[in-house]
Amino acid sequence: MDSAQLKSIPGLIGITTEAQEDGGLKIIFELDDQKFENFFEALGVLPGDEEGLRDVVIAGLDWALKERKQNER
């Protein structure tokens, strides 16, 4: 995700990934402490609602995978 896209999500500084020993991947959202609530609000979830955030991320990943498959045809 480039910096122009990050600016469109209030409070989001960056997204990084970290490989796990079990072969999984951890997605890390870096947030501005002063705009933490703005980040959640922009995604339509309550501040600190980890389950709601997870649902938004999963929906986004599902969409991205469908787009990728469609573009590969």
PDB file of N, CA and C in Angstrom:
ATOM      1  N   MET A   1       0.866  -1.174   0.000  1.00  0.00           N
ATOM      2  CA  MET A   1       0.000   0.000   0.000  1.00  0.00           C
ATOM      3  C   MET A   1       0.903   1.224   0.000  1.00  0.00           C
ATOM      4  N   ASP A   2       0.633   2.134  -0.947  1.00  0.00           N
ATOM      5  CA  ASP A   2       1.493   3.307  -1.005  1.00  0.00           C
ATOM      6  C   ASP A   2       1.020   4.397  -0.047  1.00  0.00           C
ATOM      7  N   SER A   3       1.862   5.396   0.140  1.00  0.00           N
ATOM      8  CA  SER A   3       1.570   6.429   1.128  1.00  0.00           C
ATOM      9  C   SER A   3       0.322   7.227   0.785  1.00  0.00           C
ATOM     10  N   ALA A   4      -0.015   7.390  -0.492  1.00  0.00           N
ATOM     11  CA  ALA A   4      -1.239   8.119  -0.866  1.00  0.00           C
ATOM     12  C   ALA A   4      -2.471   7.372  -0.378  1.00  0.00           C
ATOM     13  N   GLN A   5      -2.461   6.051  -0.476  1.00  0.00           N
ATOM     14  CA  GLN A   5      -3.580   5.252   0.006  1.00  0.00           C
ATOM     15  C   GLN A   5      -3.669   5.297   1.524  1.00  0.00           C
ATOM     16  N   LEU A   6      -2.529   5.299   2.197  1.00  0.00           N
ATOM     17  CA  LEU A   6      -2.536   5.342   3.659  1.00  0.00           C
ATOM     18  C   LEU A   6      -3.169   6.625   4.166  1.00  0.00           C
ATOM     19  N   LYS A   7      -2.919   7.732   3.486  1.00  0.00           N
ATOM     20  CA  LYS A   7      -3.464   9.015   3.908  1.00  0.00           C
ATOM     21  C   LYS A   7      -4.978   9.042   3.849  1.00  0.00           C
ATOM     22  N   SER A   8      -5.581   8.174   3.044  1.00  0.00           N
ATOM     23  CA  SER A   8      -7.033   8.163   2.926  1.00  0.00           C
ATOM     24  C   SER A   8      -7.704   7.454   4.101  1.00  0.00           C
ATOM     25  N   ILE A   9      -6.925   6.829   4.960  1.00  0.00           N
ATOM     26  CA  ILE A   9      -7.467   6.161   6.152  1.00  0.00           C
ATOM     27  C   ILE A   9      -6.911   6.906   7.369  1.00  0.00           C
ATOM     28  N   PRO A  10      -7.746   7.717   8.022  1.00  0.00           N
ATOM     29  CA  PRO A  10      -7.278   8.514   9.161  1.00  0.00           C
ATOM     30  C   PRO A  10      -6.638   7.659  10.256  1.00  0.00           C
ATOM     31  N   GLY A  11      -5.483   8.083  10.716  1.00  0.00           N
ATOM     32  CA  GLY A  11      -4.809   7.418  11.820  1.00  0.00           C
ATOM     33  C   GLY A  11      -3.919   6.262  11.429  1.00  0.00           C
ATOM     34  N   LEU A  12      -4.012   5.798  10.181  1.00  0.00           N
ATOM     35  CA  LEU A  12      -3.200   4.666   9.741  1.00  0.00           C
ATOM     36  C   LEU A  12      -1.833   5.159   9.288  1.00  0.00           C
ATOM     37  N   ILE A  13      -0.795   4.691   9.965  1.00  0.00           N
ATOM     38  CA  ILE A  13       0.577   5.064   9.626  1.00  0.00           C
ATOM     39  C   ILE A  13       1.146   4.074   8.618  1.00  0.00           C
ATOM     40  N   GLY A  14       0.896   2.800   8.848  1.00  0.00           N
ATOM     41  CA  GLY A  14       1.430   1.790   7.940  1.00  0.00           C
ATOM     42  C   GLY A  14       0.876   0.413   8.241  1.00  0.00           C
ATOM     43  N   ILE A  15       1.081  -0.476   7.286  1.00  0.00           N
ATOM     44  CA  ILE A  15       0.706  -1.879   7.449  1.00  0.00           C
ATOM     45  C   ILE A  15       1.928  -2.699   7.095  1.00  0.00           C
ATOM     46  N   THR A  16       2.324  -3.570   8.004  1.00  0.00           N
ATOM     47  CA  THR A  16       3.464  -4.443   7.751  1.00  0.00           C
ATOM     48  C   THR A  16       3.047  -5.876   8.037  1.00  0.00           C
ATOM     49  N   THR A  17       3.867  -6.803   7.603  1.00  0.00           N
ATOM     50  CA  THR A  17       3.608  -8.218   7.883  1.00  0.00           C
ATOM     51  C   THR A  17       4.822  -8.809   8.581  1.00  0.00           C
ATOM     52  N   GLU A  18       4.565  -9.856   9.312  1.00  0.00           N
ATOM     53  CA  GLU A  18       5.624 -10.534  10.054  1.00  0.00           C
ATOM     54  C   GLU A  18       5.400 -12.037   9.920  1.00  0.00           C
ATOM     55  N   ALA A  19       6.378 -12.750   9.384  1.00  0.00           N
ATOM     56  CA  ALA A  19       6.285 -14.197   9.238  1.00  0.00           C
ATOM     57  C   ALA A  19       6.288 -14.861  10.615  1.00  0.00           C
ATOM     58  N   GLN A  20       5.463 -15.871  10.766  1.00  0.00           N
ATOM     59  CA  GLN A  20       5.376 -16.609  12.022  1.00  0.00           C
ATOM     60  C   GLN A  20       6.104 -17.946  11.888  1.00  0.00           C
ATOM     61  N   GLU A  21       6.539 -18.497  12.992  1.00  0.00           N
ATOM     62  CA  GLU A  21       7.279 -19.756  12.976  1.00  0.00           C
ATOM     63  C   GLU A  21       6.455 -20.900  12.410  1.00  0.00           C
ATOM     64  N   ASP A  22       5.123 -20.837  12.590  1.00  0.00           N
ATOM     65  CA  ASP A  22       4.246 -21.907  12.105  1.00  0.00           C
ATOM     66  C   ASP A  22       3.901 -21.769  10.623  1.00  0.00           C
ATOM     67  N   GLY A  23       4.527 -20.789   9.953  1.00  0.00           N
ATOM     68  CA  GLY A  23       4.278 -20.582   8.533  1.00  0.00           C
ATOM     69  C   GLY A  23       3.193 -19.550   8.261  1.00  0.00           C
ATOM     70  N   GLY A  24       2.522 -19.093   9.293  1.00  0.00           N
ATOM     71  CA  GLY A  24       1.489 -18.074   9.139  1.00  0.00           C
ATOM     72  C   GLY A  24       2.088 -16.695   8.955  1.00  0.00           C
ATOM     73  N   LEU A  25       1.211 -15.735   8.823  1.00  0.00           N
ATOM     74  CA  LEU A  25       1.634 -14.366   8.615  1.00  0.00           C
ATOM     75  C   LEU A  25       0.809 -13.460   9.519  1.00  0.00           C
ATOM     76  N   LYS A  26       1.490 -12.603  10.243  1.00  0.00           N
ATOM     77  CA  LYS A  26       0.819 -11.639  11.112  1.00  0.00           C
ATOM     78  C   LYS A  26       0.763 -10.308  10.380  1.00  0.00           C
ATOM     79  N   ILE A  27      -0.435  -9.695  10.336  1.00  0.00           N
ATOM     80  CA  ILE A  27      -0.600  -8.381   9.736  1.00  0.00           C
ATOM     81  C   ILE A  27      -0.600  -7.367  10.874  1.00  0.00           C
ATOM     82  N   ILE A  28       0.260  -6.349  10.764  1.00  0.00           N
ATOM     83  CA  ILE A  28       0.411  -5.358  11.824  1.00  0.00           C
ATOM     84  C   ILE A  28      -0.037  -3.992  11.312  1.00  0.00           C
ATOM     85  N   PHE A  29      -1.017  -3.399  12.000  1.00  0.00           N
ATOM     86  CA  PHE A  29      -1.500  -2.069  11.664  1.00  0.00           C
ATOM     87  C   PHE A  29      -0.830  -1.080  12.604  1.00  0.00           C
ATOM     88  N   GLU A  30      -0.069  -0.151  12.048  1.00  0.00           N
ATOM     89  CA  GLU A  30       0.565   0.904  12.835  1.00  0.00           C
ATOM     90  C   GLU A  30      -0.376   2.099  12.848  1.00  0.00           C
ATOM     91  N   LEU A  31      -0.804   2.506  14.058  1.00  0.00           N
ATOM     92  CA  LEU A  31      -1.769   3.590  14.188  1.00  0.00           C
ATOM     93  C   LEU A  31      -1.186   4.767  14.946  1.00  0.00           C
ATOM     94  N   ASP A  32      -1.606   5.951  14.576  1.00  0.00           N
ATOM     95  CA  ASP A  32      -1.272   7.177  15.286  1.00  0.00           C
ATOM     96  C   ASP A  32      -2.095   7.196  16.578  1.00  0.00           C
ATOM     97  N   ASP A  33      -1.433   7.237  17.718  1.00  0.00           N
ATOM     98  CA  ASP A  33      -2.134   7.221  19.004  1.00  0.00           C
ATOM     99  C   ASP A  33      -3.167   8.340  19.120  1.00  0.00           C
ATOM    100  N   GLN A  34      -2.893   9.473  18.485  1.00  0.00           N
ATOM    101  CA  GLN A  34      -3.796  10.624  18.560  1.00  0.00           C
ATOM    102  C   GLN A  34      -5.022  10.454  17.664  1.00  0.00           C
ATOM    103  N   LYS A  35      -4.947   9.514  16.715  1.00  0.00           N
ATOM    104  CA  LYS A  35      -6.050   9.330  15.761  1.00  0.00           C
ATOM    105  C   LYS A  35      -6.592   7.902  15.767  1.00  0.00           C
ATOM    106  N   PHE A  36      -6.347   7.197  16.854  1.00  0.00           N
ATOM    107  CA  PHE A  36      -6.772   5.805  17.007  1.00  0.00           C
ATOM    108  C   PHE A  36      -8.268   5.656  16.743  1.00  0.00           C
ATOM    109  N   GLU A  37      -9.066   6.515  17.360  1.00  0.00           N
ATOM    110  CA  GLU A  37     -10.519   6.424  17.208  1.00  0.00           C
ATOM    111  C   GLU A  37     -10.949   6.755  15.784  1.00  0.00           C
ATOM    112  N   ASN A  38     -10.246   7.675  15.122  1.00  0.00           N
ATOM    113  CA  ASN A  38     -10.564   8.028  13.740  1.00  0.00           C
ATOM    114  C   ASN A  38     -10.374   6.841  12.801  1.00  0.00           C
ATOM    115  N   PHE A  39      -9.352   6.044  13.082  1.00  0.00           N
ATOM    116  CA  PHE A  39      -9.071   4.861  12.267  1.00  0.00           C
ATOM    117  C   PHE A  39     -10.253   3.899  12.318  1.00  0.00           C
ATOM    118  N   PHE A  40     -10.697   3.560  13.522  1.00  0.00           N
ATOM    119  CA  PHE A  40     -11.812   2.633  13.667  1.00  0.00           C
ATOM    120  C   PHE A  40     -13.090   3.215  13.077  1.00  0.00           C
ATOM    121  N   GLU A  41     -13.313   4.497  13.308  1.00  0.00           N
ATOM    122  CA  GLU A  41     -14.509   5.169  12.786  1.00  0.00           C
ATOM    123  C   GLU A  41     -14.537   5.109  11.258  1.00  0.00           C
ATOM    124  N   ALA A  42     -13.402   5.322  10.624  1.00  0.00           N
ATOM    125  CA  ALA A  42     -13.322   5.292   9.163  1.00  0.00           C
ATOM    126  C   ALA A  42     -13.670   3.919   8.607  1.00  0.00           C
ATOM    127  N   LEU A  43     -13.411   2.878   9.398  1.00  0.00           N
ATOM    128  CA  LEU A  43     -13.717   1.514   8.966  1.00  0.00           C
ATOM    129  C   LEU A  43     -15.108   1.069   9.404  1.00  0.00           C
ATOM    130  N   GLY A  44     -15.785   1.914  10.161  1.00  0.00           N
ATOM    131  CA  GLY A  44     -17.148   1.601  10.581  1.00  0.00           C
ATOM    132  C   GLY A  44     -17.240   0.659  11.757  1.00  0.00           C
ATOM    133  N   VAL A  45     -16.198   0.625  12.575  1.00  0.00           N
ATOM    134  CA  VAL A  45     -16.222  -0.209  13.786  1.00  0.00           C
ATOM    135  C   VAL A  45     -15.908   0.659  15.004  1.00  0.00           C
ATOM    136  N   LEU A  46     -16.325   0.195  16.155  1.00  0.00           N
ATOM    137  CA  LEU A  46     -16.067   0.934  17.386  1.00  0.00           C
ATOM    138  C   LEU A  46     -14.596   0.845  17.771  1.00  0.00           C
ATOM    139  N   PRO A  47     -14.041   1.904  18.355  1.00  0.00           N
ATOM    140  CA  PRO A  47     -12.644   1.868  18.786  1.00  0.00           C
ATOM    141  C   PRO A  47     -12.375   0.664  19.699  1.00  0.00           C
ATOM    142  N   GLY A  48     -11.337  -0.087  19.383  1.00  0.00           N
ATOM    143  CA  GLY A  48     -10.964  -1.244  20.185  1.00  0.00           C
ATOM    144  C   GLY A  48     -11.717  -2.512  19.846  1.00  0.00           C
ATOM    145  N   ASP A  49     -12.639  -2.463  18.868  1.00  0.00           N
ATOM    146  CA  ASP A  49     -13.437  -3.641  18.484  1.00  0.00           C
ATOM    147  C   ASP A  49     -12.585  -4.524  17.575  1.00  0.00           C
ATOM    148  N   GLU A  50     -11.794  -5.388  18.193  1.00  0.00           N
ATOM    149  CA  GLU A  50     -10.878  -6.226  17.428  1.00  0.00           C
ATOM    150  C   GLU A  50     -11.611  -7.197  16.518  1.00  0.00           C
ATOM    151  N   GLU A  51     -12.743  -7.712  16.972  1.00  0.00           N
ATOM    152  CA  GLU A  51     -13.512  -8.644  16.146  1.00  0.00           C
ATOM    153  C   GLU A  51     -14.077  -7.923  14.914  1.00  0.00           C
ATOM    154  N   GLY A  52     -14.588  -6.708  15.123  1.00  0.00           N
ATOM    155  CA  GLY A  52     -15.090  -5.919  14.003  1.00  0.00           C
ATOM    156  C   GLY A  52     -13.987  -5.582  13.022  1.00  0.00           C
ATOM    157  N   LEU A  53     -12.810  -5.232  13.527  1.00  0.00           N
ATOM    158  CA  LEU A  53     -11.663  -4.938  12.676  1.00  0.00           C
ATOM    159  C   LEU A  53     -11.271  -6.180  11.885  1.00  0.00           C
ATOM    160  N   ARG A  54     -11.258  -7.318  12.552  1.00  0.00           N
ATOM    161  CA  ARG A  54     -10.921  -8.576  11.877  1.00  0.00           C
ATOM    162  C   ARG A  54     -11.892  -8.832  10.727  1.00  0.00           C
ATOM    163  N   ASP A  55     -13.185  -8.610  10.963  1.00  0.00           N
ATOM    164  CA  ASP A  55     -14.193  -8.821   9.922  1.00  0.00           C
ATOM    165  C   ASP A  55     -13.953  -7.899   8.724  1.00  0.00           C
ATOM    166  N   VAL A  56     -13.586  -6.641   8.995  1.00  0.00           N
ATOM    167  CA  VAL A  56     -13.301  -5.682   7.920  1.00  0.00           C
ATOM    168  C   VAL A  56     -12.072  -6.130   7.127  1.00  0.00           C
ATOM    169  N   VAL A  57     -11.044  -6.571   7.821  1.00  0.00           N
ATOM    170  CA  VAL A  57      -9.814  -7.006   7.152  1.00  0.00           C
ATOM    171  C   VAL A  57     -10.090  -8.245   6.311  1.00  0.00           C
ATOM    172  N   ILE A  58     -10.820  -9.207   6.856  1.00  0.00           N
ATOM    173  CA  ILE A  58     -11.137 -10.428   6.107  1.00  0.00           C
ATOM    174  C   ILE A  58     -11.950 -10.099   4.861  1.00  0.00           C
ATOM    175  N   ALA A  59     -12.937  -9.218   4.994  1.00  0.00           N
ATOM    176  CA  ALA A  59     -13.740  -8.818   3.838  1.00  0.00           C
ATOM    177  C   ALA A  59     -12.859  -8.147   2.784  1.00  0.00           C
ATOM    178  N   GLY A  60     -11.923  -7.304   3.220  1.00  0.00           N
ATOM    179  CA  GLY A  60     -11.008  -6.641   2.291  1.00  0.00           C
ATOM    180  C   GLY A  60     -10.094  -7.629   1.588  1.00  0.00           C
ATOM    181  N   LEU A  61      -9.590  -8.599   2.329  1.00  0.00           N
ATOM    182  CA  LEU A  61      -8.725  -9.605   1.725  1.00  0.00           C
ATOM    183  C   LEU A  61      -9.504 -10.479   0.744  1.00  0.00           C
ATOM    184  N   ASP A  62     -10.725 -10.852   1.101  1.00  0.00           N
ATOM    185  CA  ASP A  62     -11.582 -11.625   0.188  1.00  0.00           C
ATOM    186  C   ASP A  62     -11.790 -10.864  -1.118  1.00  0.00           C
ATOM    187  N   TRP A  63     -12.106  -9.574  -0.990  1.00  0.00           N
ATOM    188  CA  TRP A  63     -12.316  -8.742  -2.176  1.00  0.00           C
ATOM    189  C   TRP A  63     -11.046  -8.687  -3.023  1.00  0.00           C
ATOM    190  N   ALA A  64      -9.908  -8.462  -2.377  1.00  0.00           N
ATOM    191  CA  ALA A  64      -8.639  -8.348  -3.108  1.00  0.00           C
ATOM    192  C   ALA A  64      -8.301  -9.650  -3.837  1.00  0.00           C
ATOM    193  N   LEU A  65      -8.557 -10.789  -3.198  1.00  0.00           N
ATOM    194  CA  LEU A  65      -8.273 -12.074  -3.836  1.00  0.00           C
ATOM    195  C   LEU A  65      -9.176 -12.298  -5.047  1.00  0.00           C
ATOM    196  N   LYS A  66     -10.448 -11.924  -4.932  1.00  0.00           N
ATOM    197  CA  LYS A  66     -11.376 -12.065  -6.064  1.00  0.00           C
ATOM    198  C   LYS A  66     -10.944 -11.167  -7.218  1.00  0.00           C
ATOM    199  N   GLU A  67     -10.540  -9.937  -6.912  1.00  0.00           N
ATOM    200  CA  GLU A  67     -10.065  -9.010  -7.938  1.00  0.00           C
ATOM    201  C   GLU A  67      -8.815  -9.565  -8.618  1.00  0.00           C
ATOM    202  N   ARG A  68      -7.920 -10.108  -7.825  1.00  0.00           N
ATOM    203  CA  ARG A  68      -6.674 -10.642  -8.365  1.00  0.00           C
ATOM    204  C   ARG A  68      -6.956 -11.806  -9.316  1.00  0.00           C
ATOM    205  N   LYS A  69      -7.852 -12.714  -8.882  1.00  0.00           N
ATOM    206  CA  LYS A  69      -8.199 -13.864  -9.732  1.00  0.00           C
ATOM    207  C   LYS A  69      -8.866 -13.408 -11.018  1.00  0.00           C
ATOM    208  N   GLN A  70      -9.740 -12.397 -10.914  1.00  0.00           N
ATOM    209  CA  GLN A  70     -10.435 -11.893 -12.081  1.00  0.00           C
ATOM    210  C   GLN A  70      -9.457 -11.245 -13.063  1.00  0.00           C
ATOM    211  N   ASN A  71      -8.452 -10.548 -12.545  1.00  0.00           N
ATOM    212  CA  ASN A  71      -7.463  -9.894 -13.395  1.00  0.00           C
ATOM    213  C   ASN A  71      -6.484 -10.880 -14.031  1.00  0.00           C
ATOM    214  N   GLU A  72      -6.364 -12.072 -13.450  1.00  0.00           N
ATOM    215  CA  GLU A  72      -5.451 -13.085 -13.993  1.00  0.00           C
ATOM    216  C   GLU A  72      -6.044 -13.803 -15.194  1.00  0.00           C
ATOM    217  N   ARG A  73      -7.348 -13.661 -15.403  1.00  0.00           N
ATOM    218  CA  ARG A  73      -8.010 -14.363 -16.516  1.00  0.00           C
ATOM    219  C   ARG A  73      -7.698 -13.749 -17.833  1.00  0.00           C
TER     220      ARG A  73
END
